[in-house]
């Protein structure tokens, strides 16, 4: 894992990205922002009361040099932001309502990204996933051709790297949504120098059982192939058939995936969440994310139990997403 983040540290200064941290007085956020600014890896953009931020930083012995601070209550460009939000929400908000909404730090920070005053946003240390994702869906919105945002984890152990999705957002995705998740997860894999080989998971391998659930997975594979003919993908697979060559040779001898999958698409949020946490706790993998996929600009969600190091790493990943690499 350290080799990946060392590489990001080397590349980040050249990207010259600004990343928004709406939860600017949280000690983990401030400490990570201080490291990022001190190393000139990116420009942290803090949202909140300037004096309160300064007091918190002083307590932590964190310098605010190299950071930008926005105070929603006193921002000189609030009029511009209100007008842009009303236009973006297509009349669903009045100017008065938009002004109230923009006092919410996640909405204000998301508008900075939308207006190209910053390149990405990291939140979730003190807010729920919904609090982070909702403004992104309403303002930044999904890229053309993408119906749903999804959440992937980069799973790392020594030199091993895998992508697990969706482990964060969609409770019961349809076949088409699973196909979109597969395509977006392959793009995420490429961002981390993983040549994607995608397996759509189930409790059946290539028709060994028949149910609505297994057919949904098989249909997702068919749709993904039609949407991206160059994508290396197959399923439905039990995990062992996707991961163990000897099992694949017996259960799916004609598949393009021969126990060498590195991107795993789970059939439901329940399965994905259980799966990544089992790999993390029993398998000793580090889980980096969730990395939100499918948005027009990167917005990423922290766990409320995150550490300073989690913030630091997710900020680097967010900068990398904005730069279209690492």
Protein backbone atom coordinates (compact mmCIF):
# COMPACT_ATOMS: atom_id res chain seq x y z
CA UNK A 1 0.00 0.00 0.00
CA UNK A 2 2.76 2.43 0.89
CA UNK A 3 4.23 2.16 -2.61
CA UNK A 4 0.92 3.35 -4.11
CA UNK A 5 0.64 6.36 -1.81
CA UNK A 6 4.31 7.20 -2.17
CA UNK A 7 3.68 7.34 -5.91
CA UNK A 8 0.69 9.62 -5.36
CA UNK A 9 2.81 11.89 -3.15
CA UNK A 10 5.32 12.25 -5.94
CA UNK A 11 2.68 13.03 -8.58
CA UNK A 12 0.29 15.22 -6.57
CA UNK A 13 2.27 18.50 -6.61
CA UNK A 14 2.20 18.46 -10.42
CA UNK A 15 -1.57 18.18 -10.47
CA UNK A 16 -1.98 21.44 -8.49
CA UNK A 17 -5.44 20.50 -7.19
CA UNK A 18 -7.70 22.16 -4.63
CA UNK A 19 -9.68 19.75 -2.46
CA UNK A 20 -12.55 20.91 -0.24
CA UNK A 21 -12.89 19.77 3.38
CA UNK A 22 -16.28 20.95 4.69
CA UNK A 23 -15.65 19.50 8.20
CA UNK A 24 -12.82 21.92 8.83
CA UNK A 25 -12.73 21.91 12.64
CA UNK A 26 -12.53 18.14 13.05
CA UNK A 27 -9.04 17.31 14.41
CA UNK A 28 -8.52 14.49 11.89
CA UNK A 29 -9.41 16.75 8.98
CA UNK A 30 -7.23 19.62 10.16
CA UNK A 31 -4.23 17.38 10.86
CA UNK A 32 -4.47 15.74 7.43
CA UNK A 33 -4.98 19.11 5.72
CA UNK A 34 -1.90 20.40 7.51
CA UNK A 35 0.19 17.50 6.18
CA UNK A 36 -1.15 17.98 2.66
CA UNK A 37 -0.45 21.72 2.67
CA UNK A 38 2.94 21.38 4.35
CA UNK A 39 4.02 18.85 1.72
CA UNK A 40 2.61 21.06 -1.06
CA UNK A 41 0.68 18.02 -2.29
CA UNK A 42 -2.54 19.97 -2.86
CA UNK A 43 -4.36 23.04 -1.57
CA UNK A 44 -6.83 22.20 1.21
CA UNK A 45 -9.98 24.33 1.06
CA UNK A 46 -11.65 24.67 4.46
CA UNK A 47 -15.28 25.71 5.03
CA UNK A 48 -16.41 27.40 8.24
CA UNK A 49 -15.85 30.23 10.66
CA UNK A 50 -12.34 31.56 10.13
CA UNK A 51 -11.70 32.32 13.79
CA UNK A 52 -12.99 28.96 14.98
CA UNK A 53 -10.83 27.17 12.41
CA UNK A 54 -7.81 29.18 13.57
CA UNK A 55 -8.47 28.28 17.22
CA UNK A 56 -8.78 24.58 16.43
CA UNK A 57 -5.63 24.67 14.30
CA UNK A 58 -3.69 26.39 17.06
CA UNK A 59 -4.73 23.71 19.57
CA UNK A 60 -3.43 21.04 17.20
CA UNK A 61 -0.31 23.04 16.30
CA UNK A 62 -1.37 22.95 12.64
CA UNK A 63 -0.31 25.79 10.37
CA UNK A 64 -2.99 27.14 8.02
CA UNK A 65 -0.37 28.32 5.56
CA UNK A 66 -1.06 27.02 2.07
CA UNK A 67 -4.81 26.58 2.71
CA UNK A 68 -7.88 28.51 1.59
CA UNK A 69 -10.79 29.27 3.94
CA UNK A 70 -14.36 30.12 2.95
CA UNK A 71 -16.95 31.47 5.38
CA UNK A 72 -20.42 30.86 3.90
CA UNK A 73 -21.99 33.57 6.07
CA UNK A 74 -19.54 36.21 4.83
CA UNK A 75 -18.59 35.04 1.36
CA UNK A 76 -18.36 37.87 -1.16
CA UNK A 77 -19.50 35.60 -4.00
CA UNK A 78 -22.58 34.24 -2.23
CA UNK A 79 -24.89 36.04 -4.66
CA UNK A 80 -23.23 34.26 -7.59
CA UNK A 81 -23.46 30.93 -5.81
CA UNK A 82 -27.15 31.42 -4.97
CA UNK A 83 -27.97 32.20 -8.61
CA UNK A 84 -25.97 29.22 -9.86
CA UNK A 85 -27.65 26.86 -7.37
CA UNK A 86 -31.16 28.08 -8.32
CA UNK A 87 -30.32 27.54 -11.98
CA UNK A 88 -28.78 24.12 -11.35
CA UNK A 89 -31.81 22.95 -9.34
CA UNK A 90 -34.06 24.10 -12.21
CA UNK A 91 -36.50 26.10 -10.13
CA UNK A 92 -36.81 23.62 -7.26
CA UNK A 93 -35.36 26.26 -4.93
CA UNK A 94 -36.15 29.94 -4.52
CA UNK A 95 -33.25 32.35 -3.99
CA UNK A 96 -34.14 32.54 -0.30
CA UNK A 97 -34.17 28.75 0.01
CA UNK A 98 -30.89 28.49 -1.90
CA UNK A 99 -29.30 30.99 0.48
CA UNK A 100 -30.32 28.82 3.44
CA UNK A 101 -29.10 25.63 1.73
CA UNK A 102 -25.68 27.17 1.08
CA UNK A 103 -25.15 27.71 4.80
CA UNK A 104 -24.79 23.92 4.92
CA UNK A 105 -21.05 23.28 4.58
CA UNK A 106 -21.47 20.24 2.31
CA UNK A 107 -23.68 22.15 -0.12
CA UNK A 108 -21.37 25.18 -0.05
CA UNK A 109 -18.33 22.98 -0.64
CA UNK A 110 -20.03 21.09 -3.46
CA UNK A 111 -20.89 24.38 -5.16
CA UNK A 112 -17.21 25.36 -5.04
CA UNK A 113 -16.45 22.20 -7.02
CA UNK A 114 -19.33 22.80 -9.42
CA UNK A 115 -18.16 26.37 -10.07
CA UNK A 116 -14.58 25.15 -10.68
CA UNK A 117 -13.23 26.96 -7.63
CA UNK A 118 -12.03 23.58 -6.37
CA UNK A 119 -11.42 20.21 -7.99
CA UNK A 120 -12.95 17.73 -5.55
CA UNK A 121 -14.43 17.26 -2.08
CA UNK A 122 -13.85 14.94 0.86
CA UNK A 123 -16.45 14.75 3.63
CA UNK A 124 -18.03 12.22 5.98
CA UNK A 125 -15.85 12.43 9.10
CA UNK A 126 -18.78 13.91 11.01
CA UNK A 127 -21.57 13.63 8.42
CA UNK A 128 -23.51 10.64 7.09
CA UNK A 129 -22.98 9.26 3.61
CA UNK A 130 -26.33 10.78 2.60
CA UNK A 131 -25.16 14.22 3.78
CA UNK A 132 -22.11 13.92 1.54
CA UNK A 133 -23.68 12.28 -1.50
CA UNK A 134 -26.99 14.18 -1.73
CA UNK A 135 -25.43 17.57 -2.64
CA UNK A 136 -23.18 15.85 -5.17
CA UNK A 137 -26.15 14.15 -6.85
CA UNK A 138 -28.16 17.37 -6.93
CA UNK A 139 -25.39 19.71 -8.07
CA UNK A 140 -22.47 17.88 -9.68
CA UNK A 141 -24.65 15.03 -10.96
CA UNK A 142 -23.64 11.86 -12.76
CA UNK A 143 -21.74 11.74 -16.03
CA UNK A 144 -23.69 11.21 -19.24
CA UNK A 145 -24.66 7.57 -19.57
CA UNK A 146 -24.37 6.84 -15.86
CA UNK A 147 -27.65 6.39 -14.00
CA UNK A 148 -26.39 5.84 -10.47
CA UNK A 149 -23.39 6.76 -8.36
CA UNK A 150 -21.67 3.74 -6.84
CA UNK A 151 -19.04 3.20 -4.18
CA UNK A 152 -15.92 1.10 -4.72
CA UNK A 153 -13.17 0.04 -2.33
CA UNK A 154 -9.56 -0.43 -3.31
CA UNK A 155 -8.51 -3.54 -1.38
CA UNK A 156 -4.75 -3.83 -0.83
CA UNK A 157 -2.46 -6.37 0.81
CA UNK A 158 1.26 -6.18 0.10
CA UNK A 159 1.41 -6.04 -3.71
CA UNK A 160 -2.15 -7.32 -4.24
CA UNK A 161 -4.76 -4.81 -5.46
CA UNK A 162 -8.46 -5.49 -6.09
CA UNK A 163 -11.60 -3.41 -6.59
CA UNK A 164 -14.82 -4.31 -4.73
CA UNK A 165 -18.12 -2.63 -5.69
CA UNK A 166 -20.77 -1.55 -4.89
CA UNK A 167 -20.05 -1.59 -1.18
CA UNK A 168 -21.46 1.80 -0.19
CA UNK A 169 -24.44 3.21 -2.08
CA UNK A 170 -26.96 1.03 -3.97
CA UNK A 171 -28.95 -1.41 -1.84
CA UNK A 172 -30.42 -3.62 -4.56
CA UNK A 173 -29.12 -2.61 -8.01
CA UNK A 174 -30.89 -3.72 -11.16
CA UNK A 175 -29.11 -5.61 -13.94
CA UNK A 176 -28.47 -2.38 -15.81
CA UNK A 177 -27.18 -0.68 -12.68
CA UNK A 178 -24.87 -3.63 -12.01
CA UNK A 179 -23.59 -3.31 -15.58
CA UNK A 180 -22.87 0.40 -15.05
CA UNK A 181 -21.15 -0.37 -11.74
CA UNK A 182 -18.97 -2.95 -13.50
CA UNK A 183 -17.92 -0.48 -16.19
CA UNK A 184 -17.20 2.32 -13.72
CA UNK A 185 -15.30 -0.06 -11.43
CA UNK A 186 -13.10 -1.10 -14.34
CA UNK A 187 -12.22 2.58 -14.86
CA UNK A 188 -11.39 2.89 -11.17
CA UNK A 189 -9.15 -0.16 -11.43
CA UNK A 190 -7.25 1.38 -14.33
CA UNK A 191 -6.68 4.50 -12.25
CA UNK A 192 -4.65 2.35 -9.87
CA UNK A 193 -2.71 0.53 -12.60
CA UNK A 194 -4.90 -2.57 -12.35
CA UNK A 195 -5.74 -4.12 -15.73
CA UNK A 196 -9.43 -4.85 -15.07
CA UNK A 197 -10.78 -8.38 -15.26
CA UNK A 198 -14.32 -8.13 -13.96
CA UNK A 199 -16.36 -10.84 -12.23
CA UNK A 200 -20.05 -10.37 -11.41
CA UNK A 201 -20.65 -12.41 -8.27
CA UNK A 202 -23.56 -14.57 -7.15
CA UNK A 203 -24.23 -17.88 -5.37
CA UNK A 204 -24.18 -19.63 -8.77
CA UNK A 205 -21.50 -20.14 -11.43
CA UNK A 206 -22.57 -19.91 -15.06
CA UNK A 207 -26.06 -21.32 -14.56
CA UNK A 208 -25.36 -23.89 -11.84
CA UNK A 209 -28.45 -22.51 -10.08
CA UNK A 210 -31.42 -20.60 -11.44
CA UNK A 211 -33.29 -17.80 -9.71
CA UNK A 212 -34.16 -14.13 -10.17
CA UNK A 213 -30.91 -13.25 -8.40
CA UNK A 214 -28.67 -15.36 -10.63
CA UNK A 215 -30.43 -14.21 -13.77
CA UNK A 216 -29.95 -10.58 -12.68
CA UNK A 217 -26.20 -11.15 -12.46
CA UNK A 218 -26.03 -12.95 -15.81
CA UNK A 219 -28.08 -10.20 -17.48
CA UNK A 220 -25.75 -7.58 -16.01
CA UNK A 221 -22.84 -9.30 -17.77
CA UNK A 222 -24.72 -9.30 -21.09
CA UNK A 223 -25.58 -5.61 -20.73
CA UNK A 224 -22.05 -4.61 -19.73
CA UNK A 225 -20.63 -6.39 -22.79
CA UNK A 226 -23.07 -4.56 -25.06
CA UNK A 227 -22.26 -1.20 -23.39
CA UNK A 228 -18.48 -1.76 -23.49
CA UNK A 229 -17.45 -4.55 -25.89
CA UNK A 230 -13.78 -4.20 -24.89
CA UNK A 231 -14.46 -4.87 -21.22
CA UNK A 232 -13.11 -8.20 -19.93
CA UNK A 233 -16.07 -9.40 -17.85
CA UNK A 234 -17.98 -12.58 -17.09
CA UNK A 235 -20.38 -14.12 -14.61
CA UNK A 236 -22.39 -15.01 -12.81
CA UNK A 237 -19.62 -16.43 -10.60
CA UNK A 238 -19.30 -17.80 -7.14
CA UNK A 239 -16.29 -16.11 -5.60
CA UNK A 240 -14.07 -19.18 -5.70
CA UNK A 241 -14.71 -19.67 -9.42
CA UNK A 242 -13.73 -16.05 -10.05
CA UNK A 243 -10.60 -16.17 -7.89
CA UNK A 244 -9.16 -19.70 -7.84
CA UNK A 245 -7.84 -21.02 -11.19
CA UNK A 246 -8.37 -24.67 -10.27
CA UNK A 247 -12.01 -24.00 -9.40
CA UNK A 248 -12.55 -21.91 -12.54
CA UNK A 249 -11.17 -24.76 -14.67
CA UNK A 250 -13.85 -27.08 -13.29
CA UNK A 251 -16.82 -24.72 -13.00
CA UNK A 252 -16.26 -22.33 -15.92
CA UNK A 253 -13.72 -23.84 -18.32
CA UNK A 254 -14.86 -21.72 -21.25
CA UNK A 255 -14.90 -18.39 -19.43
CA UNK A 256 -12.60 -15.47 -20.23
CA UNK A 257 -12.08 -15.25 -16.45
CA UNK A 258 -9.99 -18.17 -15.25
CA UNK A 259 -9.63 -17.52 -11.55
CA UNK A 260 -7.82 -14.27 -12.33
CA UNK A 261 -10.51 -11.65 -11.65
CA UNK A 262 -9.38 -8.47 -9.92
CA UNK A 263 -12.61 -6.43 -10.00
CA UNK A 264 -15.49 -7.98 -8.08
CA UNK A 265 -19.06 -6.75 -8.55
CA UNK A 266 -21.37 -7.75 -5.71
CA UNK A 267 -25.08 -8.37 -6.38
CA UNK A 268 -26.27 -6.17 -3.51
CA UNK A 269 -25.03 -3.62 -1.00
CA UNK A 270 -25.56 -6.20 1.75
CA UNK A 271 -23.18 -8.65 0.05
CA UNK A 272 -20.65 -5.97 -0.86
CA UNK A 273 -20.48 -4.45 2.60
CA UNK A 274 -20.09 -7.87 4.24
CA UNK A 275 -17.54 -8.95 1.65
CA UNK A 276 -15.15 -6.02 1.94
CA UNK A 277 -15.26 -6.05 5.73
CA UNK A 278 -14.52 -9.78 5.84
CA UNK A 279 -11.55 -9.28 3.52
CA UNK A 280 -10.39 -6.40 5.70
CA UNK A 281 -10.78 -8.10 9.08
CA UNK A 282 -10.11 -11.76 8.26
CA UNK A 283 -7.87 -11.40 5.22
CA UNK A 284 -5.72 -8.53 6.42
CA UNK A 285 -6.53 -6.30 3.45
CA UNK A 286 -6.52 -2.52 3.79
CA UNK A 287 -9.77 -1.05 2.48
CA UNK A 288 -9.37 2.39 0.87
CA UNK A 289 -12.62 4.20 0.17
CA UNK A 290 -15.42 4.28 -0.56
CA UNK A 291 -14.37 5.89 -3.82
CA UNK A 292 -17.51 7.33 -5.41
CA UNK A 293 -17.88 6.49 -9.10
CA UNK A 294 -19.86 8.07 -11.92
CA UNK A 295 -19.91 11.75 -10.90
CA UNK A 296 -18.86 14.66 -13.14
CA UNK A 297 -16.29 15.66 -10.50
CA UNK A 298 -14.87 13.67 -7.58
CA UNK A 299 -16.67 13.72 -4.24
CA UNK A 300 -15.61 11.08 -1.73
CA UNK A 301 -17.11 9.91 1.52
CA UNK A 302 -15.16 9.15 4.69
CA UNK A 303 -16.29 6.83 7.44
CA UNK A 304 -17.18 8.64 10.66
CA UNK A 305 -14.69 6.29 12.31
CA UNK A 306 -11.91 7.41 9.96
CA UNK A 307 -8.37 8.22 11.03
CA UNK A 308 -6.19 11.15 10.03
CA UNK A 309 -4.36 8.79 7.68
CA UNK A 310 -7.67 7.80 6.02
CA UNK A 311 -8.39 11.49 5.35
CA UNK A 312 -4.90 12.05 3.97
CA UNK A 313 -5.10 9.07 1.63
CA UNK A 314 -8.63 9.75 0.38
CA UNK A 315 -7.68 13.35 -0.36
CA UNK A 316 -4.78 12.14 -2.52
CA UNK A 317 -7.12 9.73 -4.32
CA UNK A 318 -9.62 12.54 -4.90
CA UNK A 319 -6.86 14.69 -6.41
CA UNK A 320 -5.84 11.73 -8.58
CA UNK A 321 -9.44 11.26 -9.78
CA UNK A 322 -9.59 14.92 -10.76
CA UNK A 323 -6.30 14.55 -12.62
CA UNK A 324 -7.59 11.46 -14.42
CA UNK A 325 -4.94 9.17 -12.93
CA UNK A 326 -2.59 8.01 -11.04
